[in-house]
């Protein structure tokens, strides 16, 4: 870990090199990670300073690492999270901008020091501004941005400093296992027995094996807290995207799940179904879209994502001392209960009927 005084000097040096030494800084609300953000103002101009301390997290996944290697390195490598690699954010921002999406422009970056100066996309988060009179416009525009990304079909970035990896079965299973690692003991007051863990792992293996092969950019946290409305832009470019540094190459259904089964904001089931139909209609016009395979992927990844979030929120509360995340558990439990009722989820539904019957 860096000495705080050294970090202060490094920050000052970075901003001086970028030409922002005299900027006034205000802290911005962060996320559940180790990153921090500051809004900088200088002579009427604004930017955001991303602060990603090197070494603050477990290492990212080396491109050639086996699942066994990844398990030894830790959860970040298993789940293929970016961890401390700031190059992931800057490389992906450029790739998304190249595909036409409104990701932040990168003004300056020093990955080794853990600083990036990026475009300020404002404060109009979907989560703050969504209301009955604009919700359809916001969510259809968010779908339009995903369709634009589908049509652009950018190649997974591969540079000396960052390689976009597949959202493989090992990563999906590692995330889903967070439910049994953290949510189970929170609800039951004791760790899950070994037999239950192995039975659930076998269920996930069976279900995950039915996914289509990776075929699309997956931003991974495409939801109302990470989407901004840029009213001065046009079309799908009115949707600003942030927090995509953990992106992988996987199923196009994943980001639609993230948008419609939001852990932090209620999305009415009927409205979600309408937006889902809108996505399918738009995607069908791009060619190569298999509606039946997409629906299957959506069902699998909805259950997988909500199992992960149940575990993450329990971990944030229990391990990291952030009890506010418990307030969102009932919403995610509701999502997961509905996910298990979908066709194809019978192995998981049978397991939870025995082990955690409140989900049956």
Protein backbone atom coordinates (compact mmCIF):
# COMPACT_ATOMS: atom_id res chain seq x y z
CA UNK A 1 0.00 0.00 0.00
CA UNK A 2 1.17 3.53 -0.75
CA UNK A 3 1.85 6.00 2.05
CA UNK A 4 -0.96 8.63 2.12
CA UNK A 5 1.55 11.46 1.83
CA UNK A 6 3.08 9.82 -1.23
CA UNK A 7 -0.36 9.49 -2.79
CA UNK A 8 -0.94 13.22 -2.23
CA UNK A 9 2.33 14.03 -3.99
CA UNK A 10 1.54 11.60 -6.82
CA UNK A 11 -1.89 13.20 -7.26
CA UNK A 12 -0.39 16.70 -7.40
CA UNK A 13 2.23 15.58 -9.92
CA UNK A 14 -0.39 13.92 -12.11
CA UNK A 15 -2.67 16.96 -12.16
CA UNK A 16 0.26 19.29 -12.86
CA UNK A 17 1.32 17.14 -15.79
CA UNK A 18 -2.29 17.14 -17.09
CA UNK A 19 -2.53 20.93 -16.75
CA UNK A 20 -5.07 20.85 -13.92
CA UNK A 21 -2.84 21.73 -10.96
CA UNK A 22 -4.94 24.74 -10.00
CA UNK A 23 -8.30 22.95 -10.16
CA UNK A 24 -10.76 23.04 -7.28
CA UNK A 25 -11.73 19.49 -6.24
CA UNK A 26 -14.95 18.18 -4.71
CA UNK A 27 -15.47 14.52 -3.77
CA UNK A 28 -18.09 12.58 -5.72
CA UNK A 29 -20.12 9.68 -4.41
CA UNK A 30 -18.27 6.45 -5.08
CA UNK A 31 -19.40 2.89 -5.64
CA UNK A 32 -18.85 -0.39 -3.81
CA UNK A 33 -15.24 -0.63 -5.01
CA UNK A 34 -11.92 0.80 -3.82
CA UNK A 35 -12.01 3.56 -6.44
CA UNK A 36 -12.69 7.19 -5.51
CA UNK A 37 -13.75 10.14 -7.65
CA UNK A 38 -13.34 13.92 -7.49
CA UNK A 39 -15.02 16.58 -9.65
CA UNK A 40 -12.47 19.15 -10.75
CA UNK A 41 -13.31 22.70 -11.79
CA UNK A 42 -10.85 25.07 -13.47
CA UNK A 43 -11.63 28.29 -15.33
CA UNK A 44 -15.17 27.14 -16.06
CA UNK A 45 -14.08 23.71 -17.29
CA UNK A 46 -14.93 20.49 -15.44
CA UNK A 47 -13.47 16.99 -15.37
CA UNK A 48 -13.49 13.95 -13.10
CA UNK A 49 -10.42 12.55 -11.41
CA UNK A 50 -10.60 8.79 -10.97
CA UNK A 51 -8.38 7.53 -8.16
CA UNK A 52 -7.66 3.80 -8.32
CA UNK A 53 -4.92 2.96 -5.79
CA UNK A 54 -2.55 0.28 -7.12
CA UNK A 55 -2.48 -2.75 -4.88
CA UNK A 56 -5.76 -1.90 -3.17
CA UNK A 57 -7.40 -5.05 -4.52
CA UNK A 58 -6.48 -8.60 -5.41
CA UNK A 59 -4.80 -8.97 -8.81
CA UNK A 60 -6.77 -9.21 -12.02
CA UNK A 61 -6.91 -12.39 -14.08
CA UNK A 62 -3.84 -13.07 -16.26
CA UNK A 63 -5.08 -13.89 -19.79
CA UNK A 64 -3.61 -17.40 -19.81
CA UNK A 65 -4.48 -18.36 -16.22
CA UNK A 66 -6.30 -21.66 -15.68
CA UNK A 67 -9.29 -21.83 -13.30
CA UNK A 68 -6.91 -23.39 -10.74
CA UNK A 69 -4.47 -20.49 -11.16
CA UNK A 70 -7.31 -18.03 -10.80
CA UNK A 71 -8.53 -19.69 -7.60
CA UNK A 72 -5.06 -19.28 -6.10
CA UNK A 73 -4.94 -15.60 -7.08
CA UNK A 74 -8.30 -14.80 -5.48
CA UNK A 75 -11.83 -13.76 -6.33
CA UNK A 76 -10.91 -10.94 -8.74
CA UNK A 77 -9.07 -13.42 -10.94
CA UNK A 78 -11.75 -16.09 -10.63
CA UNK A 79 -14.56 -13.71 -11.58
CA UNK A 80 -12.36 -11.85 -14.07
CA UNK A 81 -12.77 -8.44 -12.43
CA UNK A 82 -10.45 -5.60 -13.42
CA UNK A 83 -9.19 -5.17 -9.87
CA UNK A 84 -6.44 -2.55 -9.69
CA UNK A 85 -5.86 -2.42 -13.48
CA UNK A 86 -6.77 1.14 -14.50
CA UNK A 87 -5.85 0.28 -18.09
CA UNK A 88 -9.07 -1.75 -18.20
CA UNK A 89 -11.17 1.39 -17.78
CA UNK A 90 -9.23 3.59 -20.18
CA UNK A 91 -8.97 0.91 -22.90
CA UNK A 92 -12.65 0.02 -22.66
CA UNK A 93 -13.72 3.68 -22.64
CA UNK A 94 -11.92 4.20 -25.92
CA UNK A 95 -13.40 1.00 -27.38
CA UNK A 96 -16.94 1.98 -26.39
CA UNK A 97 -16.49 5.49 -27.77
CA UNK A 98 -15.19 3.95 -30.96
CA UNK A 99 -18.41 1.93 -31.15
CA UNK A 100 -20.44 5.13 -30.87
CA UNK A 101 -21.43 5.03 -27.21
CA UNK A 102 -21.13 7.97 -24.83
CA UNK A 103 -18.38 6.70 -22.56
CA UNK A 104 -16.17 9.36 -20.94
CA UNK A 105 -13.31 10.77 -22.99
CA UNK A 106 -9.92 10.07 -21.41
CA UNK A 107 -7.97 13.32 -21.04
CA UNK A 108 -4.95 11.88 -19.23
CA UNK A 109 -4.09 8.66 -17.41
CA UNK A 110 -1.28 7.11 -15.41
CA UNK A 111 -2.20 3.52 -14.69
CA UNK A 112 0.96 2.85 -12.70
CA UNK A 113 0.17 5.70 -10.31
CA UNK A 114 -3.57 4.94 -10.38
CA UNK A 115 -5.00 8.21 -11.71
CA UNK A 116 -7.16 9.08 -14.71
CA UNK A 117 -8.59 12.45 -15.72
CA UNK A 118 -11.82 11.84 -17.60
CA UNK A 119 -14.80 13.64 -19.10
CA UNK A 120 -17.48 14.72 -16.65
CA UNK A 121 -20.82 13.35 -17.89
CA UNK A 122 -22.79 15.23 -15.23
CA UNK A 123 -25.18 14.14 -12.50
CA UNK A 124 -28.36 13.15 -14.35
CA UNK A 125 -28.28 9.50 -13.35
CA UNK A 126 -31.27 7.48 -14.51
CA UNK A 127 -31.77 6.51 -10.86
CA UNK A 128 -32.25 10.18 -9.95
CA UNK A 129 -34.32 11.44 -12.84
CA UNK A 130 -36.48 8.47 -13.87
CA UNK A 131 -40.20 9.20 -13.41
CA UNK A 132 -43.45 7.97 -14.94
CA UNK A 133 -43.36 10.64 -17.67
CA UNK A 134 -39.82 9.85 -18.91
CA UNK A 135 -39.15 6.24 -17.91
CA UNK A 136 -40.04 4.79 -21.31
CA UNK A 137 -37.78 7.27 -23.12
CA UNK A 138 -34.88 6.55 -20.78
CA UNK A 139 -35.11 2.78 -20.96
CA UNK A 140 -35.75 2.59 -24.69
CA UNK A 141 -32.72 4.83 -25.22
CA UNK A 142 -30.66 2.53 -23.00
CA UNK A 143 -31.77 -0.39 -25.17
CA UNK A 144 -30.92 1.61 -28.31
CA UNK A 145 -27.38 2.07 -26.98
CA UNK A 146 -27.06 -1.69 -26.49
CA UNK A 147 -28.32 -2.26 -30.02
CA UNK A 148 -25.77 0.25 -31.34
CA UNK A 149 -23.05 -1.69 -29.55
CA UNK A 150 -24.41 -4.92 -31.03
CA UNK A 151 -24.38 -3.43 -34.52
CA UNK A 152 -20.86 -2.00 -34.13
CA UNK A 153 -19.66 -5.43 -32.90
CA UNK A 154 -16.23 -4.18 -31.80
CA UNK A 155 -13.48 -6.75 -31.44
CA UNK A 156 -12.49 -7.50 -27.83
CA UNK A 157 -9.62 -5.09 -27.02
CA UNK A 158 -6.18 -6.65 -26.76
CA UNK A 159 -3.21 -4.42 -25.87
CA UNK A 160 0.07 -4.82 -24.01
CA UNK A 161 -1.67 -3.57 -20.84
CA UNK A 162 -5.18 -4.99 -21.11
CA UNK A 163 -6.89 -7.98 -22.70
CA UNK A 164 -10.68 -8.37 -22.67
CA UNK A 165 -11.44 -11.92 -21.55
CA UNK A 166 -14.48 -14.15 -21.98
CA UNK A 167 -17.26 -14.27 -19.42
CA UNK A 168 -16.56 -17.98 -19.04
CA UNK A 169 -18.22 -20.69 -16.96
CA UNK A 170 -15.62 -20.39 -14.20
CA UNK A 171 -16.32 -16.67 -13.77
CA UNK A 172 -20.10 -17.15 -13.83
CA UNK A 173 -19.92 -19.99 -11.29
CA UNK A 174 -17.59 -18.06 -8.99
CA UNK A 175 -20.02 -15.15 -8.91
CA UNK A 176 -23.05 -17.38 -8.31
CA UNK A 177 -21.25 -19.07 -5.42
CA UNK A 178 -21.30 -15.78 -3.48
CA UNK A 179 -24.90 -16.59 -2.55
CA UNK A 180 -23.86 -19.68 -0.64
CA UNK A 181 -20.67 -18.05 0.69
CA UNK A 182 -22.30 -14.93 2.15
CA UNK A 183 -26.08 -14.82 1.79
CA UNK A 184 -26.67 -18.33 3.17
CA UNK A 185 -24.90 -17.66 6.52
CA UNK A 186 -26.62 -14.28 6.78
CA UNK A 187 -30.04 -15.92 6.51
CA UNK A 188 -29.34 -19.21 8.32
CA UNK A 189 -26.81 -18.05 10.91
CA UNK A 190 -24.28 -20.73 9.94
CA UNK A 191 -22.15 -21.69 6.93
CA UNK A 192 -23.61 -23.90 4.24
CA UNK A 193 -22.68 -27.59 4.65
CA UNK A 194 -20.28 -29.07 2.12
CA UNK A 195 -22.97 -31.24 0.59
CA UNK A 196 -25.23 -28.27 -0.12
CA UNK A 197 -22.36 -26.35 -1.67
CA UNK A 198 -21.47 -29.19 -4.03
CA UNK A 199 -25.11 -29.82 -4.95
CA UNK A 200 -25.65 -26.15 -5.81
CA UNK A 201 -22.39 -26.00 -7.78
CA UNK A 202 -23.58 -28.97 -9.86
CA UNK A 203 -26.90 -27.22 -10.53
CA UNK A 204 -25.14 -24.08 -11.73
CA UNK A 205 -22.81 -26.12 -13.92
CA UNK A 206 -25.80 -27.74 -15.63
CA UNK A 207 -27.59 -24.44 -16.20
CA UNK A 208 -24.56 -22.34 -17.25
CA UNK A 209 -23.56 -24.99 -19.82
CA UNK A 210 -26.67 -24.06 -21.84
CA UNK A 211 -25.50 -20.49 -22.54
CA UNK A 212 -24.60 -19.43 -26.06
CA UNK A 213 -20.85 -19.03 -26.65
CA UNK A 214 -19.52 -15.51 -25.89
CA UNK A 215 -20.48 -13.15 -28.70
CA UNK A 216 -20.85 -9.61 -27.36
CA UNK A 217 -19.36 -6.85 -25.20
CA UNK A 218 -20.86 -7.13 -21.72
CA UNK A 219 -20.47 -3.94 -19.65
CA UNK A 220 -21.60 -5.95 -16.62
CA UNK A 221 -23.13 -3.13 -14.52
CA UNK A 222 -25.49 -1.52 -16.99
CA UNK A 223 -28.17 -0.15 -14.67
CA UNK A 224 -29.80 3.06 -13.49
CA UNK A 225 -26.97 4.05 -11.11
CA UNK A 226 -24.44 3.86 -13.95
CA UNK A 227 -26.39 5.46 -16.81
CA UNK A 228 -26.57 9.23 -17.27
CA UNK A 229 -28.94 11.27 -19.41
CA UNK A 230 -27.04 13.63 -21.71
CA UNK A 231 -29.88 15.81 -22.96
CA UNK A 232 -27.76 17.84 -25.38
CA UNK A 233 -26.81 14.77 -27.41
CA UNK A 234 -28.98 12.91 -29.87
CA UNK A 235 -30.41 9.40 -30.15
CA UNK A 236 -28.79 6.65 -28.13
CA UNK A 237 -25.79 8.93 -27.50
CA UNK A 238 -27.94 10.65 -24.89
CA UNK A 239 -27.15 7.64 -22.69
CA UNK A 240 -23.84 8.13 -20.89
CA UNK A 241 -22.15 4.96 -19.63
CA UNK A 242 -19.77 4.62 -16.70
CA UNK A 243 -18.44 1.84 -14.43
CA UNK A 244 -17.63 -0.61 -17.22
CA UNK A 245 -14.05 -1.50 -16.27
CA UNK A 246 -15.07 -5.09 -15.45
CA UNK A 247 -16.48 -5.67 -18.95
CA UNK A 248 -16.08 -9.11 -20.50
CA UNK A 249 -16.98 -10.82 -23.76
CA UNK A 250 -20.14 -12.82 -23.15
CA UNK A 251 -23.87 -12.93 -23.82
CA UNK A 252 -25.75 -9.84 -25.01
CA UNK A 253 -28.55 -10.79 -22.60
CA UNK A 254 -26.47 -9.92 -19.54
CA UNK A 255 -26.66 -6.14 -19.83
CA UNK A 256 -30.40 -6.33 -20.55
CA UNK A 257 -30.78 -8.28 -17.29
CA UNK A 258 -28.73 -5.64 -15.46
CA UNK A 259 -30.98 -2.89 -16.80
CA UNK A 260 -34.34 -4.53 -16.10
CA UNK A 261 -33.67 -6.48 -12.89
CA UNK A 262 -32.10 -3.53 -11.10
CA UNK A 263 -31.01 -4.14 -7.53
CA UNK A 264 -31.41 -0.49 -6.51
CA UNK A 265 -34.48 0.69 -8.38
CA UNK A 266 -37.94 -0.80 -8.85
CA UNK A 267 -38.77 -1.59 -12.46
CA UNK A 268 -42.37 -2.76 -12.77
CA UNK A 269 -42.53 -6.31 -14.21
CA UNK A 270 -44.98 -5.31 -16.95
CA UNK A 271 -42.76 -2.40 -17.97
CA UNK A 272 -39.68 -4.65 -17.92
CA UNK A 273 -41.45 -7.13 -20.19
CA UNK A 274 -42.33 -4.34 -22.62
CA UNK A 275 -38.72 -3.11 -22.72
CA UNK A 276 -37.53 -6.70 -23.19
CA UNK A 277 -39.85 -7.07 -26.20
CA UNK A 278 -38.51 -3.77 -27.55
CA UNK A 279 -34.96 -5.10 -27.28
CA UNK A 280 -35.89 -8.32 -29.11
CA UNK A 281 -37.61 -6.36 -31.88
CA UNK A 282 -34.62 -4.05 -32.34
CA UNK A 283 -32.09 -6.91 -32.14
CA UNK A 284 -34.02 -8.93 -34.73
CA UNK A 285 -33.37 -6.14 -37.21
CA UNK A 286 -29.60 -6.42 -36.79
CA UNK A 287 -29.35 -9.94 -38.22
CA UNK A 288 -28.10 -13.09 -36.57
CA UNK A 289 -30.45 -12.72 -33.60
CA UNK A 290 -31.94 -15.95 -32.24
CA UNK A 291 -34.92 -14.97 -30.08
CA UNK A 292 -35.23 -18.40 -28.44
CA UNK A 293 -31.53 -18.58 -27.55
CA UNK A 294 -31.64 -15.01 -26.23
CA UNK A 295 -34.63 -15.82 -23.99
CA UNK A 296 -32.78 -18.85 -22.62
CA UNK A 297 -29.64 -16.80 -21.96
CA UNK A 298 -31.72 -14.09 -20.30
CA UNK A 299 -33.33 -16.59 -17.91
CA UNK A 300 -30.00 -18.17 -16.96
CA UNK A 301 -28.14 -14.90 -16.51
CA UNK A 302 -30.96 -13.28 -14.54
CA UNK A 303 -30.75 -16.09 -11.96
CA UNK A 304 -26.94 -16.01 -12.01
CA UNK A 305 -26.71 -12.22 -11.63
CA UNK A 306 -29.22 -12.00 -8.80
CA UNK A 307 -27.56 -14.89 -6.95
CA UNK A 308 -24.32 -12.94 -7.24
CA UNK A 309 -25.90 -9.70 -6.01
CA UNK A 310 -27.47 -11.42 -3.00
CA UNK A 311 -24.00 -12.61 -2.06
CA UNK A 312 -22.30 -9.28 -2.77
CA UNK A 313 -24.79 -7.26 -0.73
CA UNK A 314 -24.53 -9.69 2.18
CA UNK A 315 -20.72 -9.50 1.95
CA UNK A 316 -20.72 -5.70 1.87
CA UNK A 317 -22.88 -5.65 4.99
CA UNK A 318 -21.15 -8.40 6.96
CA UNK A 319 -17.50 -8.08 5.93
CA UNK A 320 -17.21 -4.44 4.91
CA UNK A 321 -19.48 -2.83 7.50
CA UNK A 322 -21.95 -1.33 4.99
CA UNK A 323 -25.36 -2.32 6.38
CA UNK A 324 -27.26 -0.06 3.96
CA UNK A 325 -26.92 -2.81 1.36
CA UNK A 326 -29.27 -4.97 3.42
CA UNK A 327 -32.06 -2.51 2.58
CA UNK A 328 -31.92 -3.65 -1.07
CA UNK A 329 -32.00 -7.38 -0.36
CA UNK A 330 -35.81 -7.73 -0.48
CA UNK A 331 -35.90 -6.35 -4.03
CA UNK A 332 -33.14 -8.72 -5.19
CA UNK A 333 -34.83 -11.64 -3.40
CA UNK A 334 -37.98 -10.84 -5.36
CA UNK A 335 -36.02 -10.85 -8.63
CA UNK A 336 -34.40 -14.17 -7.77
CA UNK A 337 -37.70 -15.77 -6.81
CA UNK A 338 -39.16 -14.81 -10.20
CA UNK A 339 -35.99 -15.95 -11.97
CA UNK A 340 -36.28 -19.44 -10.50
CA UNK A 341 -39.83 -19.75 -11.82
CA UNK A 342 -38.72 -19.37 -15.46
CA UNK A 343 -38.55 -22.41 -17.76
CA UNK A 344 -35.19 -24.14 -17.66
CA UNK A 345 -34.46 -23.22 -14.05
CA UNK A 346 -35.90 -26.46 -12.62
CA UNK A 347 -32.58 -27.79 -11.20
CA UNK A 348 -32.02 -24.54 -9.27
CA UNK A 349 -35.65 -24.25 -8.20
CA UNK A 350 -35.59 -27.79 -6.79
CA UNK A 351 -32.40 -27.07 -4.84
CA UNK A 352 -33.74 -23.89 -3.26
CA UNK A 353 -37.08 -25.52 -2.49
CA UNK A 354 -35.09 -27.82 -0.19
CA UNK A 355 -32.37 -25.47 1.07
CA UNK A 356 -33.89 -21.97 1.16
CA UNK A 357 -37.62 -22.57 0.68
CA UNK A 358 -38.46 -18.86 0.80
CA UNK A 359 -37.27 -18.80 -2.84
CA UNK A 360 -39.50 -21.68 -3.95
